[in-house]
Amino acid sequence: MRPVPRVPLEATVFQAVRKMYECGTEAVAVTDEGERIVGIFTAHDLITIIGLGYEPKAVTVAEWLCSPQQCNNDTPRGEAWMG
């Protein structure tokens, strides 16, 4: 079994996409300082980010990720959960 590709929370969207490309996957696990998986970043997230006009080299995966408990009307990036 192959290891799951991972990126840290502070990785840019561009770095996450580069890791997906290098590993031949359409998603990467996002980890905190303790290497605990705290989310997933997918190719669909990238499409949404670009569609909304964000620059992949200027946005971190931490800025994009949110949990269902954190998403609310004040969190526009919660749109990612609409998949």
C-alpha atoms as a PDB file:
ATOM      1  CA  MET A   1       0.000   0.000   0.000  1.00  0.00           C
ATOM      2  CA  ARG A   2       1.310   3.474  -0.908  1.00  0.00           C
ATOM      3  CA  PRO A   3       1.623   6.125   1.798  1.00  0.00           C
ATOM      4  CA  VAL A   4      -0.917   8.935   1.666  1.00  0.00           C
ATOM      5  CA  PRO A   5       0.654  12.138   0.302  1.00  0.00           C
ATOM      6  CA  ARG A   6       0.636  14.904   2.908  1.00  0.00           C
ATOM      7  CA  VAL A   7       1.237  18.631   3.103  1.00  0.00           C
ATOM      8  CA  PRO A   8       1.454  20.860   6.186  1.00  0.00           C
ATOM      9  CA  LEU A   9      -1.225  23.450   6.965  1.00  0.00           C
ATOM     10  CA  GLU A  10       1.135  26.259   5.976  1.00  0.00           C
ATOM     11  CA  ALA A  11       1.649  24.868   2.447  1.00  0.00           C
ATOM     12  CA  THR A  12       0.366  27.039  -0.369  1.00  0.00           C
ATOM     13  CA  VAL A  13      -2.320  25.726  -2.662  1.00  0.00           C
ATOM     14  CA  PHE A  14       0.329  25.635  -5.376  1.00  0.00           C
ATOM     15  CA  GLN A  15       2.561  23.402  -3.209  1.00  0.00           C
ATOM     16  CA  ALA A  16      -0.373  21.081  -2.469  1.00  0.00           C
ATOM     17  CA  VAL A  17      -1.163  20.770  -6.172  1.00  0.00           C
ATOM     18  CA  ARG A  18       2.506  20.131  -6.972  1.00  0.00           C
ATOM     19  CA  LYS A  19       2.510  17.290  -4.401  1.00  0.00           C
ATOM     20  CA  MET A  20      -0.664  15.845  -5.966  1.00  0.00           C
ATOM     21  CA  TYR A  21       0.994  15.967  -9.397  1.00  0.00           C
ATOM     22  CA  GLU A  22       4.216  14.352  -8.165  1.00  0.00           C
ATOM     23  CA  CYS A  23       2.298  11.550  -6.424  1.00  0.00           C
ATOM     24  CA  GLY A  24      -0.230  11.010  -9.207  1.00  0.00           C
ATOM     25  CA  THR A  25      -3.199  11.667  -6.917  1.00  0.00           C
ATOM     26  CA  GLU A  26      -6.173  14.015  -6.913  1.00  0.00           C
ATOM     27  CA  ALA A  27      -5.974  14.770  -3.185  1.00  0.00           C
ATOM     28  CA  VAL A  28      -3.504  15.244  -0.336  1.00  0.00           C
ATOM     29  CA  ALA A  29      -3.962  14.929   3.396  1.00  0.00           C
ATOM     30  CA  VAL A  30      -3.311  18.147   5.331  1.00  0.00           C
ATOM     31  CA  THR A  31      -1.435  17.791   8.612  1.00  0.00           C
ATOM     32  CA  ASP A  32      -0.838  19.960  11.674  1.00  0.00           C
ATOM     33  CA  GLU A  33       2.482  20.454  13.475  1.00  0.00           C
ATOM     34  CA  GLY A  34       2.117  17.058  15.140  1.00  0.00           C
ATOM     35  CA  GLU A  35       1.597  15.290  11.781  1.00  0.00           C
ATOM     36  CA  ARG A  36      -2.068  14.681  12.692  1.00  0.00           C
ATOM     37  CA  ILE A  37      -4.353  14.741   9.641  1.00  0.00           C
ATOM     38  CA  VAL A  38      -6.688  17.707   9.994  1.00  0.00           C
ATOM     39  CA  GLY A  39      -8.202  17.824   6.530  1.00  0.00           C
ATOM     40  CA  ILE A  40      -7.988  16.923   2.886  1.00  0.00           C
ATOM     41  CA  PHE A  41      -7.268  19.122  -0.114  1.00  0.00           C
ATOM     42  CA  THR A  42      -8.617  17.945  -3.477  1.00  0.00           C
ATOM     43  CA  ALA A  43      -8.493  18.823  -7.156  1.00  0.00           C
ATOM     44  CA  HIS A  44     -12.080  20.053  -6.752  1.00  0.00           C
ATOM     45  CA  ASP A  45     -10.843  22.563  -4.158  1.00  0.00           C
ATOM     46  CA  LEU A  46      -8.308  23.858  -6.682  1.00  0.00           C
ATOM     47  CA  ILE A  47     -11.004  24.329  -9.327  1.00  0.00           C
ATOM     48  CA  THR A  48     -13.103  26.280  -6.840  1.00  0.00           C
ATOM     49  CA  ILE A  49     -10.164  28.430  -5.715  1.00  0.00           C
ATOM     50  CA  ILE A  50      -9.273  29.373  -9.287  1.00  0.00           C
ATOM     51  CA  GLY A  51     -12.928  29.858 -10.195  1.00  0.00           C
ATOM     52  CA  LEU A  52     -13.301  32.332  -7.335  1.00  0.00           C
ATOM     53  CA  GLY A  53     -10.248  34.263  -8.534  1.00  0.00           C
ATOM     54  CA  TYR A  54      -7.741  33.336  -5.824  1.00  0.00           C
ATOM     55  CA  GLU A  55      -4.041  32.987  -6.660  1.00  0.00           C
ATOM     56  CA  PRO A  56      -2.774  29.442  -5.807  1.00  0.00           C
ATOM     57  CA  LYS A  57       0.672  30.726  -4.812  1.00  0.00           C
ATOM     58  CA  ALA A  58      -0.845  33.293  -2.434  1.00  0.00           C
ATOM     59  CA  VAL A  59      -3.394  31.106  -0.602  1.00  0.00           C
ATOM     60  CA  THR A  60      -2.447  28.471   1.981  1.00  0.00           C
ATOM     61  CA  VAL A  61      -4.364  25.271   2.470  1.00  0.00           C
ATOM     62  CA  ALA A  62      -4.963  26.422   6.077  1.00  0.00           C
ATOM     63  CA  GLU A  63      -6.840  29.459   4.736  1.00  0.00           C
ATOM     64  CA  TRP A  64      -9.010  27.232   2.619  1.00  0.00           C
ATOM     65  CA  LEU A  65      -9.786  24.340   4.956  1.00  0.00           C
ATOM     66  CA  CYS A  66     -12.594  24.502   7.457  1.00  0.00           C
ATOM     67  CA  SER A  67     -14.450  21.906   9.447  1.00  0.00           C
ATOM     68  CA  PRO A  68     -18.260  21.692   9.360  1.00  0.00           C
ATOM     69  CA  GLN A  69     -18.273  23.229  12.852  1.00  0.00           C
ATOM     70  CA  GLN A  70     -16.242  26.230  11.658  1.00  0.00           C
ATOM     71  CA  CYS A  71     -18.164  26.925   8.446  1.00  0.00           C
ATOM     72  CA  ASN A  72     -20.815  29.610   8.723  1.00  0.00           C
ATOM     73  CA  ASN A  73     -22.085  32.636   6.830  1.00  0.00           C
ATOM     74  CA  ASP A  74     -18.936  34.544   7.811  1.00  0.00           C
ATOM     75  CA  THR A  75     -16.694  31.899   6.211  1.00  0.00           C
ATOM     76  CA  PRO A  76     -17.054  32.244   2.431  1.00  0.00           C
ATOM     77  CA  ARG A  77     -14.509  29.506   1.826  1.00  0.00           C
ATOM     78  CA  GLY A  78     -17.011  27.109   3.387  1.00  0.00           C
ATOM     79  CA  GLU A  79     -18.269  26.819  -0.161  1.00  0.00           C
ATOM     80  CA  ALA A  80     -15.775  23.979  -0.481  1.00  0.00           C
ATOM     81  CA  TRP A  81     -18.157  21.802   1.547  1.00  0.00           C
ATOM     82  CA  MET A  82     -20.849  22.197  -1.113  1.00  0.00           C
ATOM     83  CA  GLY A  83     -18.797  19.977  -3.448  1.00  0.00           C
END
